[in-house]
Protein backbone atom coordinates (compact mmCIF):
# COMPACT_ATOMS: atom_id res chain seq x y z
CA UNK A 1 0.00 0.00 0.00
CA UNK A 2 2.91 2.36 0.66
CA UNK A 3 3.74 2.26 -3.05
CA UNK A 4 0.18 3.36 -3.89
CA UNK A 5 0.51 6.35 -1.56
CA UNK A 6 3.89 7.39 -2.94
CA UNK A 7 7.44 7.94 -1.80
CA UNK A 8 7.96 10.30 1.16
CA UNK A 9 9.28 13.61 -0.15
CA UNK A 10 12.36 13.41 2.08
CA UNK A 11 13.31 10.06 0.51
CA UNK A 12 12.57 11.24 -3.03
CA UNK A 13 14.69 14.37 -2.43
CA UNK A 14 17.88 12.47 -1.61
CA UNK A 15 20.60 13.42 -4.08
CA UNK A 16 18.49 16.16 -5.70
CA UNK A 17 18.62 19.92 -5.29
CA UNK A 18 15.52 21.94 -4.45
CA UNK A 19 15.40 23.48 -7.96
CA UNK A 20 15.58 19.97 -9.48
CA UNK A 21 12.74 18.78 -7.24
CA UNK A 22 10.70 21.83 -8.17
CA UNK A 23 11.02 21.05 -11.87
CA UNK A 24 10.14 17.39 -11.35
CA UNK A 25 6.95 17.99 -9.35
CA UNK A 26 5.90 21.25 -11.01
CA UNK A 27 6.16 23.73 -8.13
CA UNK A 28 8.50 26.59 -7.20
CA UNK A 29 11.76 26.10 -5.33
CA UNK A 30 10.33 28.01 -2.37
CA UNK A 31 7.36 25.63 -2.25
CA UNK A 32 9.80 22.69 -2.12
CA UNK A 33 11.67 24.40 0.73
CA UNK A 34 8.44 24.90 2.68
CA UNK A 35 7.39 21.28 2.12
CA UNK A 36 10.77 19.94 3.27
CA UNK A 37 10.83 22.15 6.37
CA UNK A 38 7.26 21.42 7.45
CA UNK A 39 5.77 18.52 9.38
CA UNK A 40 3.39 17.81 6.47
CA UNK A 41 3.18 14.27 5.05
CA UNK A 42 4.05 14.95 1.40
CA UNK A 43 4.41 11.96 -0.93
CA UNK A 44 5.69 11.85 -4.50
CA UNK A 45 4.10 9.57 -7.06
CA UNK A 46 5.63 8.63 -10.39
CA UNK A 47 3.20 7.54 -13.11
CA UNK A 48 3.74 5.02 -15.91
CA UNK A 49 5.19 7.71 -18.20
CA UNK A 50 7.70 8.88 -15.58
CA UNK A 51 5.86 12.07 -14.66
CA UNK A 52 6.15 13.03 -10.97
CA UNK A 53 3.55 14.72 -8.83
CA UNK A 54 3.23 15.42 -5.12
CA UNK A 55 0.28 14.70 -2.86
CA UNK A 56 -0.32 15.56 0.77
CA UNK A 57 -1.65 12.88 3.12
CA UNK A 58 -3.75 14.27 5.95
CA UNK A 59 -6.73 13.23 8.03
CA UNK A 60 -10.24 14.19 6.96
CA UNK A 61 -11.39 17.33 8.72
CA UNK A 62 -7.87 18.60 9.33
CA UNK A 63 -8.47 21.82 7.43
CA UNK A 64 -8.17 24.90 9.62
CA UNK A 65 -11.41 26.70 10.24
CA UNK A 66 -11.46 30.50 9.95
CA UNK A 67 -11.49 32.38 13.24
CA UNK A 68 -14.59 34.29 14.20
CA UNK A 69 -14.23 38.07 13.82
C-alpha atoms as a PDB file:
ATOM      1  CA  UNK A   1       0.000   0.000   0.000  1.00  0.00           C
ATOM      2  CA  UNK A   2       2.907   2.363   0.664  1.00  0.00           C
ATOM      3  CA  UNK A   3       3.744   2.258  -3.054  1.00  0.00           C
ATOM      4  CA  UNK A   4       0.182   3.359  -3.888  1.00  0.00           C
ATOM      5  CA  UNK A   5       0.508   6.349  -1.565  1.00  0.00           C
ATOM      6  CA  UNK A   6       3.888   7.387  -2.943  1.00  0.00           C
ATOM      7  CA  UNK A   7       7.436   7.938  -1.796  1.00  0.00           C
ATOM      8  CA  UNK A   8       7.962  10.298   1.165  1.00  0.00           C
ATOM      9  CA  UNK A   9       9.281  13.613  -0.155  1.00  0.00           C
ATOM     10  CA  UNK A  10      12.355  13.407   2.082  1.00  0.00           C
ATOM     11  CA  UNK A  11      13.315  10.060   0.510  1.00  0.00           C
ATOM     12  CA  UNK A  12      12.573  11.244  -3.032  1.00  0.00           C
ATOM     13  CA  UNK A  13      14.692  14.370  -2.432  1.00  0.00           C
ATOM     14  CA  UNK A  14      17.883  12.470  -1.613  1.00  0.00           C
ATOM     15  CA  UNK A  15      20.605  13.422  -4.082  1.00  0.00           C
ATOM     16  CA  UNK A  16      18.494  16.156  -5.698  1.00  0.00           C
ATOM     17  CA  UNK A  17      18.622  19.921  -5.294  1.00  0.00           C
ATOM     18  CA  UNK A  18      15.516  21.936  -4.454  1.00  0.00           C
ATOM     19  CA  UNK A  19      15.400  23.481  -7.962  1.00  0.00           C
ATOM     20  CA  UNK A  20      15.580  19.969  -9.480  1.00  0.00           C
ATOM     21  CA  UNK A  21      12.741  18.776  -7.237  1.00  0.00           C
ATOM     22  CA  UNK A  22      10.696  21.832  -8.167  1.00  0.00           C
ATOM     23  CA  UNK A  23      11.015  21.051 -11.872  1.00  0.00           C
ATOM     24  CA  UNK A  24      10.143  17.386 -11.347  1.00  0.00           C
ATOM     25  CA  UNK A  25       6.952  17.988  -9.355  1.00  0.00           C
ATOM     26  CA  UNK A  26       5.902  21.254 -11.006  1.00  0.00           C
ATOM     27  CA  UNK A  27       6.165  23.734  -8.130  1.00  0.00           C
ATOM     28  CA  UNK A  28       8.498  26.585  -7.204  1.00  0.00           C
ATOM     29  CA  UNK A  29      11.760  26.101  -5.325  1.00  0.00           C
ATOM     30  CA  UNK A  30      10.335  28.015  -2.369  1.00  0.00           C
ATOM     31  CA  UNK A  31       7.361  25.627  -2.246  1.00  0.00           C
ATOM     32  CA  UNK A  32       9.801  22.692  -2.117  1.00  0.00           C
ATOM     33  CA  UNK A  33      11.669  24.401   0.728  1.00  0.00           C
ATOM     34  CA  UNK A  34       8.438  24.900   2.679  1.00  0.00           C
ATOM     35  CA  UNK A  35       7.390  21.282   2.116  1.00  0.00           C
ATOM     36  CA  UNK A  36      10.767  19.935   3.267  1.00  0.00           C
ATOM     37  CA  UNK A  37      10.829  22.149   6.368  1.00  0.00           C
ATOM     38  CA  UNK A  38       7.260  21.422   7.454  1.00  0.00           C
ATOM     39  CA  UNK A  39       5.770  18.525   9.383  1.00  0.00           C
ATOM     40  CA  UNK A  40       3.392  17.805   6.472  1.00  0.00           C
ATOM     41  CA  UNK A  41       3.179  14.274   5.049  1.00  0.00           C
ATOM     42  CA  UNK A  42       4.048  14.953   1.402  1.00  0.00           C
ATOM     43  CA  UNK A  43       4.412  11.960  -0.932  1.00  0.00           C
ATOM     44  CA  UNK A  44       5.691  11.850  -4.500  1.00  0.00           C
ATOM     45  CA  UNK A  45       4.101   9.574  -7.061  1.00  0.00           C
ATOM     46  CA  UNK A  46       5.628   8.629 -10.387  1.00  0.00           C
ATOM     47  CA  UNK A  47       3.200   7.538 -13.110  1.00  0.00           C
ATOM     48  CA  UNK A  48       3.744   5.020 -15.914  1.00  0.00           C
ATOM     49  CA  UNK A  49       5.194   7.713 -18.198  1.00  0.00           C
ATOM     50  CA  UNK A  50       7.699   8.875 -15.579  1.00  0.00           C
ATOM     51  CA  UNK A  51       5.862  12.072 -14.656  1.00  0.00           C
ATOM     52  CA  UNK A  52       6.149  13.030 -10.975  1.00  0.00           C
ATOM     53  CA  UNK A  53       3.547  14.722  -8.830  1.00  0.00           C
ATOM     54  CA  UNK A  54       3.228  15.416  -5.125  1.00  0.00           C
ATOM     55  CA  UNK A  55       0.275  14.697  -2.861  1.00  0.00           C
ATOM     56  CA  UNK A  56      -0.322  15.556   0.774  1.00  0.00           C
ATOM     57  CA  UNK A  57      -1.654  12.882   3.116  1.00  0.00           C
ATOM     58  CA  UNK A  58      -3.748  14.275   5.947  1.00  0.00           C
ATOM     59  CA  UNK A  59      -6.729  13.228   8.026  1.00  0.00           C
ATOM     60  CA  UNK A  60     -10.236  14.192   6.960  1.00  0.00           C
ATOM     61  CA  UNK A  61     -11.394  17.329   8.721  1.00  0.00           C
ATOM     62  CA  UNK A  62      -7.867  18.601   9.327  1.00  0.00           C
ATOM     63  CA  UNK A  63      -8.466  21.822   7.429  1.00  0.00           C
ATOM     64  CA  UNK A  64      -8.169  24.898   9.616  1.00  0.00           C
ATOM     65  CA  UNK A  65     -11.406  26.704  10.242  1.00  0.00           C
ATOM     66  CA  UNK A  66     -11.458  30.501   9.953  1.00  0.00           C
ATOM     67  CA  UNK A  67     -11.486  32.381  13.242  1.00  0.00           C
ATOM     68  CA  UNK A  68     -14.591  34.292  14.198  1.00  0.00           C
ATOM     69  CA  UNK A  69     -14.229  38.072  13.821  1.00  0.00           C
END
